[in-house]
Amino acid sequence: MREFTGEAIGGAGRGGGRNGVRLGAVAAVAAALLLTAVTPAGGVARQAAPPDPTPGGPQRPYEPDVPGPRNIDSLSAAVTPDGGTARGVRVAFDRVSRAETGGAPAGARRFVFLFDASLRFRPESFPLCARSLIEEKGVTACPDGSLVGRGTAHAYPEGSSEVFAFNTRYANGLRGALVVIPATDTVLELTWERVTRPYRERGYLWALDEILPPSSIPPAERVGTRRFELEWGATLRFGNRTVSFAESSASPGERVRIGLWSAFVTGQVALPRTTAVRQGR
């Protein structure tokens, strides 16, 4: 795993090496990503699951797959100026999920936010907030400037809650973010990870890897969100200088790739992808 100290995350050609565990196996299916069909015992062809974009990152505790509905996910995105710097942007994800058979979507295990290679991030320039501080005193105790994203979680079948994302750094030195839903006392840990070659070949470079840890609720009874909106971006002033958390080297009018690799308690893996027009003058 790469440790980030005083260096922006992102930008084509940047990032150095990665943990090589399982990388060879992932690269072997690069040509088949999202294209290869396999035939199960019933003889009906189905699409192969897209490989893990960040297999060398933190590992989720093992849980066996459970029966449940197949989720149908869609994704839209927006890349808009942050108003702080010429290249500064906000990157918005808008995921909608439903069960193929109707009813509640299956619960999730992991999400990996995939960012176009034209995007870079500057977590080293923003204050940090620790999980322990949030758990003890709430999100209002986080330092000014540590809020680097926010959005809304839409429960099934109704109801919504505010979502906050804070810049953080873990005890092992890895940089990441804490996604917090105060209404449900949820704190999720994300780490910055460089994606594997199959995804780099498709125009991505960096990802935020989010683990939803096991809970006391049996996996088959966990309900996924019907919609989840999360926008990444922030600005910070240093005297007369402004720094953007997210920057884009794409010109206004160019299309930027966005994806969301998703794993569910049923064993299903989905990869909704989209492009967003880089807004601005």
C-alpha atoms as a PDB file:
ATOM      1  CA  MET A   1       0.000   0.000   0.000  1.00  0.00           C
ATOM      2  CA  ARG A   2       1.142   3.487  -0.703  1.00  0.00           C
ATOM      3  CA  GLU A   3       1.555   5.980   2.098  1.00  0.00           C
ATOM      4  CA  PHE A   4       0.852   9.588   1.175  1.00  0.00           C
ATOM      5  CA  THR A   5       2.823  12.282   2.887  1.00  0.00           C
ATOM      6  CA  GLY A   6       2.816  15.854   1.596  1.00  0.00           C
ATOM      7  CA  GLU A   7       1.898  14.824  -1.951  1.00  0.00           C
ATOM      8  CA  ALA A   8      -1.273  15.311  -3.944  1.00  0.00           C
ATOM      9  CA  ILE A   9      -3.234  12.213  -4.818  1.00  0.00           C
ATOM     10  CA  GLY A  10      -3.954  11.853  -8.508  1.00  0.00           C
ATOM     11  CA  GLY A  11      -2.828  13.177 -11.857  1.00  0.00           C
ATOM     12  CA  ALA A  12      -1.853  10.970 -14.776  1.00  0.00           C
ATOM     13  CA  GLY A  13       1.451   9.176 -14.341  1.00  0.00           C
ATOM     14  CA  ARG A  14       1.671   9.760 -10.592  1.00  0.00           C
ATOM     15  CA  GLY A  15       1.377   7.366  -7.697  1.00  0.00           C
ATOM     16  CA  GLY A  16       4.287   4.909  -7.682  1.00  0.00           C
ATOM     17  CA  GLY A  17       3.985   1.251  -6.755  1.00  0.00           C
ATOM     18  CA  ARG A  18       1.252  -0.795  -5.119  1.00  0.00           C
ATOM     19  CA  ASN A  19       0.907  -3.891  -3.050  1.00  0.00           C
ATOM     20  CA  GLY A  20       1.250  -6.708  -5.552  1.00  0.00           C
ATOM     21  CA  VAL A  21      -1.002  -9.204  -3.749  1.00  0.00           C
ATOM     22  CA  ARG A  22      -3.506 -10.664  -6.211  1.00  0.00           C
ATOM     23  CA  LEU A  23      -2.525  -8.097  -8.864  1.00  0.00           C
ATOM     24  CA  GLY A  24      -1.462 -10.762 -11.333  1.00  0.00           C
ATOM     25  CA  ALA A  25      -4.815 -12.488 -11.095  1.00  0.00           C
ATOM     26  CA  VAL A  26      -6.628  -9.209 -11.646  1.00  0.00           C
ATOM     27  CA  ALA A  27      -4.480  -8.278 -14.641  1.00  0.00           C
ATOM     28  CA  ALA A  28      -5.178 -11.662 -16.204  1.00  0.00           C
ATOM     29  CA  VAL A  29      -8.823 -10.739 -16.640  1.00  0.00           C
ATOM     30  CA  ALA A  30      -8.151  -7.222 -17.905  1.00  0.00           C
ATOM     31  CA  ALA A  31      -9.226  -7.943 -21.459  1.00  0.00           C
ATOM     32  CA  ALA A  32     -12.418  -9.528 -20.197  1.00  0.00           C
ATOM     33  CA  LEU A  33     -13.476  -6.763 -17.831  1.00  0.00           C
ATOM     34  CA  LEU A  34     -17.202  -6.179 -18.229  1.00  0.00           C
ATOM     35  CA  LEU A  35     -17.156  -8.079 -21.525  1.00  0.00           C
ATOM     36  CA  THR A  36     -16.686 -11.766 -20.814  1.00  0.00           C
ATOM     37  CA  ALA A  37     -19.769 -13.950 -20.506  1.00  0.00           C
ATOM     38  CA  VAL A  38     -19.702 -17.208 -18.601  1.00  0.00           C
ATOM     39  CA  THR A  39     -22.192 -20.034 -18.754  1.00  0.00           C
ATOM     40  CA  PRO A  40     -23.440 -21.475 -15.448  1.00  0.00           C
ATOM     41  CA  ALA A  41     -24.906 -24.959 -15.102  1.00  0.00           C
ATOM     42  CA  GLY A  42     -28.261 -23.798 -16.397  1.00  0.00           C
ATOM     43  CA  GLY A  43     -26.683 -22.832 -19.719  1.00  0.00           C
ATOM     44  CA  VAL A  44     -27.745 -19.163 -19.540  1.00  0.00           C
ATOM     45  CA  ALA A  45     -24.878 -16.803 -20.302  1.00  0.00           C
ATOM     46  CA  ARG A  46     -24.237 -14.076 -17.785  1.00  0.00           C
ATOM     47  CA  GLN A  47     -21.666 -11.316 -17.480  1.00  0.00           C
ATOM     48  CA  ALA A  48     -18.563 -11.958 -15.431  1.00  0.00           C
ATOM     49  CA  ALA A  49     -18.285  -9.871 -12.276  1.00  0.00           C
ATOM     50  CA  PRO A  50     -15.931  -6.895 -12.674  1.00  0.00           C
ATOM     51  CA  PRO A  51     -12.711  -7.470 -10.691  1.00  0.00           C
ATOM     52  CA  ASP A  52     -11.822  -5.629  -7.512  1.00  0.00           C
ATOM     53  CA  PRO A  53     -10.274  -2.235  -8.422  1.00  0.00           C
ATOM     54  CA  THR A  54      -8.301  -1.982  -5.151  1.00  0.00           C
ATOM     55  CA  PRO A  55      -7.465  -5.523  -3.935  1.00  0.00           C
ATOM     56  CA  GLY A  56      -4.410  -4.409  -1.971  1.00  0.00           C
ATOM     57  CA  GLY A  57      -6.328  -2.087   0.335  1.00  0.00           C
ATOM     58  CA  PRO A  58      -7.801  -2.802   3.771  1.00  0.00           C
ATOM     59  CA  GLN A  59      -9.712  -6.078   3.870  1.00  0.00           C
ATOM     60  CA  ARG A  60     -13.274  -6.494   5.078  1.00  0.00           C
ATOM     61  CA  PRO A  61     -13.906  -9.370   7.542  1.00  0.00           C
ATOM     62  CA  TYR A  62     -15.201 -12.421   5.713  1.00  0.00           C
ATOM     63  CA  GLU A  63     -18.920 -13.141   5.593  1.00  0.00           C
ATOM     64  CA  PRO A  64     -20.509 -15.878   3.467  1.00  0.00           C
ATOM     65  CA  ASP A  65     -22.876 -14.797   0.712  1.00  0.00           C
ATOM     66  CA  VAL A  66     -26.591 -14.967   1.490  1.00  0.00           C
ATOM     67  CA  PRO A  67     -29.657 -15.371  -0.720  1.00  0.00           C
ATOM     68  CA  GLY A  68     -31.288 -12.151  -1.765  1.00  0.00           C
ATOM     69  CA  PRO A  69     -32.428  -9.993  -4.656  1.00  0.00           C
ATOM     70  CA  ARG A  70     -30.226  -8.848  -7.485  1.00  0.00           C
ATOM     71  CA  ASN A  71     -29.714  -5.105  -7.279  1.00  0.00           C
ATOM     72  CA  ILE A  72     -30.106  -2.864 -10.308  1.00  0.00           C
ATOM     73  CA  ASP A  73     -27.875   0.175  -9.851  1.00  0.00           C
ATOM     74  CA  SER A  74     -27.497   3.310 -11.945  1.00  0.00           C
ATOM     75  CA  LEU A  75     -25.073   6.207 -11.566  1.00  0.00           C
ATOM     76  CA  SER A  76     -25.016   9.822 -12.617  1.00  0.00           C
ATOM     77  CA  ALA A  77     -22.301  12.370 -11.862  1.00  0.00           C
ATOM     78  CA  ALA A  78     -21.383  16.026 -12.141  1.00  0.00           C
ATOM     79  CA  VAL A  79     -18.051  17.857 -12.170  1.00  0.00           C
ATOM     80  CA  THR A  80     -18.522  21.534 -11.363  1.00  0.00           C
ATOM     81  CA  PRO A  81     -16.196  24.410 -10.408  1.00  0.00           C
ATOM     82  CA  ASP A  82     -15.607  24.821  -6.685  1.00  0.00           C
ATOM     83  CA  GLY A  83     -15.260  28.603  -7.015  1.00  0.00           C
ATOM     84  CA  GLY A  84     -11.862  28.608  -5.331  1.00  0.00           C
ATOM     85  CA  THR A  85      -9.185  27.945  -7.959  1.00  0.00           C
ATOM     86  CA  ALA A  86      -9.010  27.685 -11.748  1.00  0.00           C
ATOM     87  CA  ARG A  87      -8.794  23.886 -11.664  1.00  0.00           C
ATOM     88  CA  GLY A  88     -10.769  23.334  -8.492  1.00  0.00           C
ATOM     89  CA  VAL A  89     -13.879  21.166  -8.861  1.00  0.00           C
ATOM     90  CA  ARG A  90     -16.553  19.329  -6.940  1.00  0.00           C
ATOM     91  CA  VAL A  91     -17.208  15.745  -8.032  1.00  0.00           C
ATOM     92  CA  ALA A  92     -20.741  14.551  -7.332  1.00  0.00           C
ATOM     93  CA  PHE A  93     -21.867  10.899  -7.312  1.00  0.00           C
ATOM     94  CA  ASP A  94     -25.576  10.091  -7.460  1.00  0.00           C
ATOM     95  CA  ARG A  95     -26.313   6.361  -7.154  1.00  0.00           C
ATOM     96  CA  VAL A  96     -29.827   4.908  -7.420  1.00  0.00           C
ATOM     97  CA  SER A  97     -30.458   1.282  -6.422  1.00  0.00           C
ATOM     98  CA  ARG A  98     -33.457  -1.034  -6.579  1.00  0.00           C
ATOM     99  CA  ALA A  99     -34.111  -4.737  -6.238  1.00  0.00           C
ATOM    100  CA  GLU A 100     -34.732  -6.417  -9.564  1.00  0.00           C
ATOM    101  CA  THR A 101     -37.775  -8.181  -8.104  1.00  0.00           C
ATOM    102  CA  GLY A 102     -39.118  -5.107  -6.324  1.00  0.00           C
ATOM    103  CA  GLY A 103     -38.872  -4.407  -2.628  1.00  0.00           C
ATOM    104  CA  ALA A 104     -35.782  -3.465  -0.665  1.00  0.00           C
ATOM    105  CA  PRO A 105     -32.356  -3.628  -2.328  1.00  0.00           C
ATOM    106  CA  ALA A 106     -29.798  -5.998  -0.793  1.00  0.00           C
ATOM    107  CA  GLY A 107     -27.351  -4.495   1.672  1.00  0.00           C
ATOM    108  CA  ALA A 108     -23.837  -3.494   0.611  1.00  0.00           C
ATOM    109  CA  ARG A 109     -20.417  -4.694   1.745  1.00  0.00           C
ATOM    110  CA  ARG A 110     -18.169  -2.253  -0.070  1.00  0.00           C
ATOM    111  CA  PHE A 111     -18.166   0.689  -2.428  1.00  0.00           C
ATOM    112  CA  VAL A 112     -15.176   1.922  -4.429  1.00  0.00           C
ATOM    113  CA  PHE A 113     -15.514   5.445  -5.832  1.00  0.00           C
ATOM    114  CA  LEU A 114     -13.588   5.538  -9.130  1.00  0.00           C
ATOM    115  CA  PHE A 115     -12.165   8.829 -10.390  1.00  0.00           C
ATOM    116  CA  ASP A 116     -11.011   9.792 -13.874  1.00  0.00           C
ATOM    117  CA  ALA A 117      -7.242  10.047 -14.370  1.00  0.00           C
ATOM    118  CA  SER A 118      -7.657  13.794 -14.962  1.00  0.00           C
ATOM    119  CA  LEU A 119      -8.694  14.274 -11.317  1.00  0.00           C
ATOM    120  CA  ARG A 120      -6.292  14.828  -8.458  1.00  0.00           C
ATOM    121  CA  PHE A 121      -6.826  15.473  -4.767  1.00  0.00           C
ATOM    122  CA  ARG A 122      -4.975  17.379  -2.050  1.00  0.00           C
ATOM    123  CA  PRO A 123      -5.822  15.783   1.300  1.00  0.00           C
ATOM    124  CA  GLU A 124      -2.375  16.745   2.601  1.00  0.00           C
ATOM    125  CA  SER A 125      -3.411  20.435   2.475  1.00  0.00           C
ATOM    126  CA  PHE A 126      -6.573  20.050   4.563  1.00  0.00           C
ATOM    127  CA  PRO A 127      -7.058  19.566   8.319  1.00  0.00           C
ATOM    128  CA  LEU A 128      -7.783  16.086   9.645  1.00  0.00           C
ATOM    129  CA  CYS A 129     -10.622  14.769  11.773  1.00  0.00           C
ATOM    130  CA  ALA A 130     -10.264  11.557  13.779  1.00  0.00           C
ATOM    131  CA  ARG A 131     -12.932   8.912  14.145  1.00  0.00           C
ATOM    132  CA  SER A 132     -12.499   8.979  17.916  1.00  0.00           C
ATOM    133  CA  LEU A 133     -13.352  12.694  17.989  1.00  0.00           C
ATOM    134  CA  ILE A 134     -16.513  12.162  15.931  1.00  0.00           C
ATOM    135  CA  GLU A 135     -17.629   9.257  18.117  1.00  0.00           C
ATOM    136  CA  GLU A 136     -17.005  11.228  21.302  1.00  0.00           C
ATOM    137  CA  LYS A 137     -18.241  14.708  20.388  1.00  0.00           C
ATOM    138  CA  GLY A 138     -19.983  14.507  17.011  1.00  0.00           C
ATOM    139  CA  VAL A 139     -19.262  16.036  13.614  1.00  0.00           C
ATOM    140  CA  THR A 140     -19.405  19.607  14.900  1.00  0.00           C
ATOM    141  CA  ALA A 141     -16.178  18.959  16.805  1.00  0.00           C
ATOM    142  CA  CYS A 142     -14.161  18.330  13.633  1.00  0.00           C
ATOM    143  CA  PRO A 143     -11.657  21.099  12.765  1.00  0.00           C
ATOM    144  CA  ASP A 144     -12.720  23.804  10.353  1.00  0.00           C
ATOM    145  CA  GLY A 145     -11.674  22.864   6.853  1.00  0.00           C
ATOM    146  CA  SER A 146     -11.724  19.096   7.440  1.00  0.00           C
ATOM    147  CA  LEU A 147     -15.143  18.706   5.780  1.00  0.00           C
ATOM    148  CA  VAL A 148     -14.344  17.617   2.213  1.00  0.00           C
ATOM    149  CA  GLY A 149     -17.670  16.211   1.073  1.00  0.00           C
ATOM    150  CA  ARG A 150     -21.347  16.008   1.880  1.00  0.00           C
ATOM    151  CA  GLY A 151     -24.542  14.517   0.560  1.00  0.00           C
ATOM    152  CA  THR A 152     -27.755  12.654   1.352  1.00  0.00           C
ATOM    153  CA  ALA A 153     -28.601   9.014   2.067  1.00  0.00           C
ATOM    154  CA  HIS A 154     -32.116   7.987   1.029  1.00  0.00           C
ATOM    155  CA  ALA A 155     -33.442   5.019   2.995  1.00  0.00           C
ATOM    156  CA  TYR A 156     -35.813   2.371   1.688  1.00  0.00           C
ATOM    157  CA  PRO A 157     -38.739   2.844   1.333  1.00  0.00           C
ATOM    158  CA  GLU A 158     -38.610   6.491   2.421  1.00  0.00           C
ATOM    159  CA  GLY A 159     -36.718   8.967   4.563  1.00  0.00           C
ATOM    160  CA  SER A 160     -33.363  10.678   4.109  1.00  0.00           C
ATOM    161  CA  SER A 161     -30.352  11.655   6.219  1.00  0.00           C
ATOM    162  CA  GLU A 162     -27.493  14.102   5.864  1.00  0.00           C
ATOM    163  CA  VAL A 163     -24.073  12.675   5.030  1.00  0.00           C
ATOM    164  CA  PHE A 164     -20.734  14.299   5.834  1.00  0.00           C
ATOM    165  CA  ALA A 165     -17.246  13.334   4.648  1.00  0.00           C
ATOM    166  CA  PHE A 166     -14.157  14.382   6.619  1.00  0.00           C
ATOM    167  CA  ASN A 167     -10.512  14.282   5.645  1.00  0.00           C
ATOM    168  CA  THR A 168      -8.602  11.834   7.835  1.00  0.00           C
ATOM    169  CA  ARG A 169      -5.415   9.856   8.276  1.00  0.00           C
ATOM    170  CA  TYR A 170      -5.225   6.459   9.927  1.00  0.00           C
ATOM    171  CA  ALA A 171      -2.780   5.095  12.472  1.00  0.00           C
ATOM    172  CA  ASN A 172      -0.996   3.125   9.725  1.00  0.00           C
ATOM    173  CA  GLY A 173      -0.303   6.372   7.844  1.00  0.00           C
ATOM    174  CA  LEU A 174      -2.825   5.889   5.040  1.00  0.00           C
ATOM    175  CA  ARG A 175      -4.878   8.887   4.005  1.00  0.00           C
ATOM    176  CA  GLY A 176      -8.597   8.638   3.515  1.00  0.00           C
ATOM    177  CA  ALA A 177     -11.975   9.972   4.546  1.00  0.00           C
ATOM    178  CA  LEU A 178     -14.647   9.295   7.128  1.00  0.00           C
ATOM    179  CA  VAL A 179     -18.199   9.207   5.792  1.00  0.00           C
ATOM    180  CA  VAL A 180     -20.563   9.998   8.641  1.00  0.00           C
ATOM    181  CA  ILE A 181     -24.361   9.698   8.850  1.00  0.00           C
ATOM    182  CA  PRO A 182     -25.177  11.233  12.249  1.00  0.00           C
ATOM    183  CA  ALA A 183     -28.855  10.190  12.150  1.00  0.00           C
ATOM    184  CA  THR A 184     -27.880   6.505  12.217  1.00  0.00           C
ATOM    185  CA  ASP A 185     -24.621   6.816  14.194  1.00  0.00           C
ATOM    186  CA  THR A 186     -22.776   5.497  11.153  1.00  0.00           C
ATOM    187  CA  VAL A 187     -19.060   6.145  10.574  1.00  0.00           C
ATOM    188  CA  LEU A 188     -17.503   4.507   7.509  1.00  0.00           C
ATOM    189  CA  GLU A 189     -13.778   4.423   6.794  1.00  0.00           C
ATOM    190  CA  LEU A 190     -12.463   5.078   3.281  1.00  0.00           C
ATOM    191  CA  THR A 191      -8.872   4.919   2.034  1.00  0.00           C
ATOM    192  CA  TRP A 192      -7.226   6.451  -1.008  1.00  0.00           C
ATOM    193  CA  GLU A 193      -6.083   3.646  -3.317  1.00  0.00           C
ATOM    194  CA  ARG A 194      -4.503   3.541  -6.750  1.00  0.00           C
ATOM    195  CA  VAL A 195      -6.591   1.317  -9.030  1.00  0.00           C
ATOM    196  CA  THR A 196      -5.290  -1.787 -10.784  1.00  0.00           C
ATOM    197  CA  ARG A 197      -4.200  -1.864 -14.409  1.00  0.00           C
ATOM    198  CA  PRO A 198      -7.543  -2.947 -15.955  1.00  0.00           C
ATOM    199  CA  TYR A 199      -9.142   0.182 -14.526  1.00  0.00           C
ATOM    200  CA  ARG A 200      -6.207   2.440 -15.405  1.00  0.00           C
ATOM    201  CA  GLU A 201      -6.517   1.211 -18.982  1.00  0.00           C
ATOM    202  CA  ARG A 202     -10.115   2.397 -18.922  1.00  0.00           C
ATOM    203  CA  GLY A 203      -9.198   5.891 -17.816  1.00  0.00           C
ATOM    204  CA  TYR A 204      -9.351   5.791 -14.001  1.00  0.00           C
ATOM    205  CA  LEU A 205      -6.436   6.304 -11.634  1.00  0.00           C
ATOM    206  CA  TRP A 206      -7.410   6.858  -7.996  1.00  0.00           C
ATOM    207  CA  ALA A 207     -10.241   5.546  -5.874  1.00  0.00           C
ATOM    208  CA  LEU A 208     -11.768   5.937  -2.442  1.00  0.00           C
ATOM    209  CA  ASP A 209     -12.350   2.446  -1.037  1.00  0.00           C
ATOM    210  CA  GLU A 210     -15.248   2.329   1.447  1.00  0.00           C
ATOM    211  CA  ILE A 211     -15.829  -0.697   3.686  1.00  0.00           C
ATOM    212  CA  LEU A 212     -19.205  -1.296   5.319  1.00  0.00           C
ATOM    213  CA  PRO A 213     -18.252  -3.528   8.254  1.00  0.00           C
ATOM    214  CA  PRO A 214     -20.400  -6.475   9.403  1.00  0.00           C
ATOM    215  CA  SER A 215     -23.021  -5.600  11.983  1.00  0.00           C
ATOM    216  CA  SER A 216     -25.273  -7.382  14.446  1.00  0.00           C
ATOM    217  CA  ILE A 217     -28.024  -7.401  11.805  1.00  0.00           C
ATOM    218  CA  PRO A 218     -27.931 -10.695   9.860  1.00  0.00           C
ATOM    219  CA  PRO A 219     -26.691 -10.062   6.284  1.00  0.00           C
ATOM    220  CA  ALA A 220     -29.934 -11.286   4.703  1.00  0.00           C
ATOM    221  CA  GLU A 221     -31.852  -8.659   6.708  1.00  0.00           C
ATOM    222  CA  ARG A 222     -29.636  -5.692   5.829  1.00  0.00           C
ATOM    223  CA  VAL A 223     -31.348  -3.193   3.560  1.00  0.00           C
ATOM    224  CA  GLY A 224     -29.457  -1.072   1.065  1.00  0.00           C
ATOM    225  CA  THR A 225     -30.114   2.598   0.376  1.00  0.00           C
ATOM    226  CA  ARG A 226     -32.421   3.367  -2.521  1.00  0.00           C
ATOM    227  CA  ARG A 227     -30.319   6.421  -3.391  1.00  0.00           C
ATOM    228  CA  PHE A 228     -27.016   7.832  -2.183  1.00  0.00           C
ATOM    229  CA  GLU A 229     -25.684  11.260  -3.147  1.00  0.00           C
ATOM    230  CA  LEU A 230     -22.173  12.327  -2.204  1.00  0.00           C
ATOM    231  CA  GLU A 231     -20.212  15.287  -3.531  1.00  0.00           C
ATOM    232  CA  TRP A 232     -16.436  15.490  -2.996  1.00  0.00           C
ATOM    233  CA  GLY A 233     -14.785  18.913  -2.932  1.00  0.00           C
ATOM    234  CA  ALA A 234     -13.788  21.800  -0.694  1.00  0.00           C
ATOM    235  CA  THR A 235     -11.652  24.925  -0.648  1.00  0.00           C
ATOM    236  CA  LEU A 236      -9.367  26.351   1.993  1.00  0.00           C
ATOM    237  CA  ARG A 237      -7.716  29.759   2.334  1.00  0.00           C
ATOM    238  CA  PHE A 238      -4.078  30.149   3.359  1.00  0.00           C
ATOM    239  CA  GLY A 239      -3.592  33.905   3.665  1.00  0.00           C
ATOM    240  CA  ASN A 240      -4.005  35.195   0.123  1.00  0.00           C
ATOM    241  CA  ARG A 241      -3.871  31.696  -1.388  1.00  0.00           C
ATOM    242  CA  THR A 242      -6.748  29.292  -1.963  1.00  0.00           C
ATOM    243  CA  VAL A 243      -6.330  25.509  -2.214  1.00  0.00           C
ATOM    244  CA  SER A 244      -8.862  23.123  -3.740  1.00  0.00           C
ATOM    245  CA  PHE A 245      -9.362  19.633  -2.364  1.00  0.00           C
ATOM    246  CA  ALA A 246     -10.222  18.291  -5.851  1.00  0.00           C
ATOM    247  CA  GLU A 247      -8.723  19.526  -9.103  1.00  0.00           C
ATOM    248  CA  SER A 248      -9.280  18.590 -12.739  1.00  0.00           C
ATOM    249  CA  SER A 249      -6.844  18.916 -15.624  1.00  0.00           C
ATOM    250  CA  ALA A 250      -9.728  18.391 -18.082  1.00  0.00           C
ATOM    251  CA  SER A 251     -10.801  21.448 -20.038  1.00  0.00           C
ATOM    252  CA  PRO A 252     -14.350  22.749 -19.659  1.00  0.00           C
ATOM    253  CA  GLY A 253     -16.596  20.750 -21.951  1.00  0.00           C
ATOM    254  CA  GLU A 254     -14.471  17.581 -21.775  1.00  0.00           C
ATOM    255  CA  ARG A 255     -16.000  14.384 -20.436  1.00  0.00           C
ATOM    256  CA  VAL A 256     -14.722  12.914 -17.166  1.00  0.00           C
ATOM    257  CA  ARG A 257     -15.133   9.224 -16.269  1.00  0.00           C
ATOM    258  CA  ILE A 258     -16.775   8.281 -12.974  1.00  0.00           C
ATOM    259  CA  GLY A 259     -17.550   4.791 -11.660  1.00  0.00           C
ATOM    260  CA  LEU A 260     -18.765   3.062  -8.512  1.00  0.00           C
ATOM    261  CA  TRP A 261     -17.692  -0.549  -7.972  1.00  0.00           C
ATOM    262  CA  SER A 262     -20.196  -2.081  -5.540  1.00  0.00           C
ATOM    263  CA  ALA A 263     -20.257  -5.405  -3.651  1.00  0.00           C
ATOM    264  CA  PHE A 264     -23.373  -6.710  -1.892  1.00  0.00           C
ATOM    265  CA  VAL A 265     -24.127  -9.293   0.818  1.00  0.00           C
ATOM    266  CA  THR A 266     -25.543 -11.617  -1.841  1.00  0.00           C
ATOM    267  CA  GLY A 267     -22.153 -11.872  -3.546  1.00  0.00           C
ATOM    268  CA  GLN A 268     -23.282  -9.699  -6.442  1.00  0.00           C
ATOM    269  CA  VAL A 269     -20.779  -7.173  -7.777  1.00  0.00           C
ATOM    270  CA  ALA A 270     -21.943  -4.218  -9.855  1.00  0.00           C
ATOM    271  CA  LEU A 271     -20.072  -1.477 -11.666  1.00  0.00           C
ATOM    272  CA  PRO A 272     -22.301   1.363 -12.829  1.00  0.00           C
ATOM    273  CA  ARG A 273     -20.256   3.871 -14.820  1.00  0.00           C
ATOM    274  CA  THR A 274     -20.949   7.252 -16.338  1.00  0.00           C
ATOM    275  CA  THR A 275     -19.249  10.342 -17.711  1.00  0.00           C
ATOM    276  CA  ALA A 276     -19.767  13.923 -16.643  1.00  0.00           C
ATOM    277  CA  VAL A 277     -19.047  17.055 -18.658  1.00  0.00           C
ATOM    278  CA  ARG A 278     -16.456  19.152 -16.871  1.00  0.00           C
ATOM    279  CA  GLN A 279     -18.324  22.390 -16.226  1.00  0.00           C
ATOM    280  CA  GLY A 280     -16.705  25.808 -16.158  1.00  0.00           C
ATOM    281  CA  ARG A 281     -15.481  28.552 -18.452  1.00  0.00           C
END
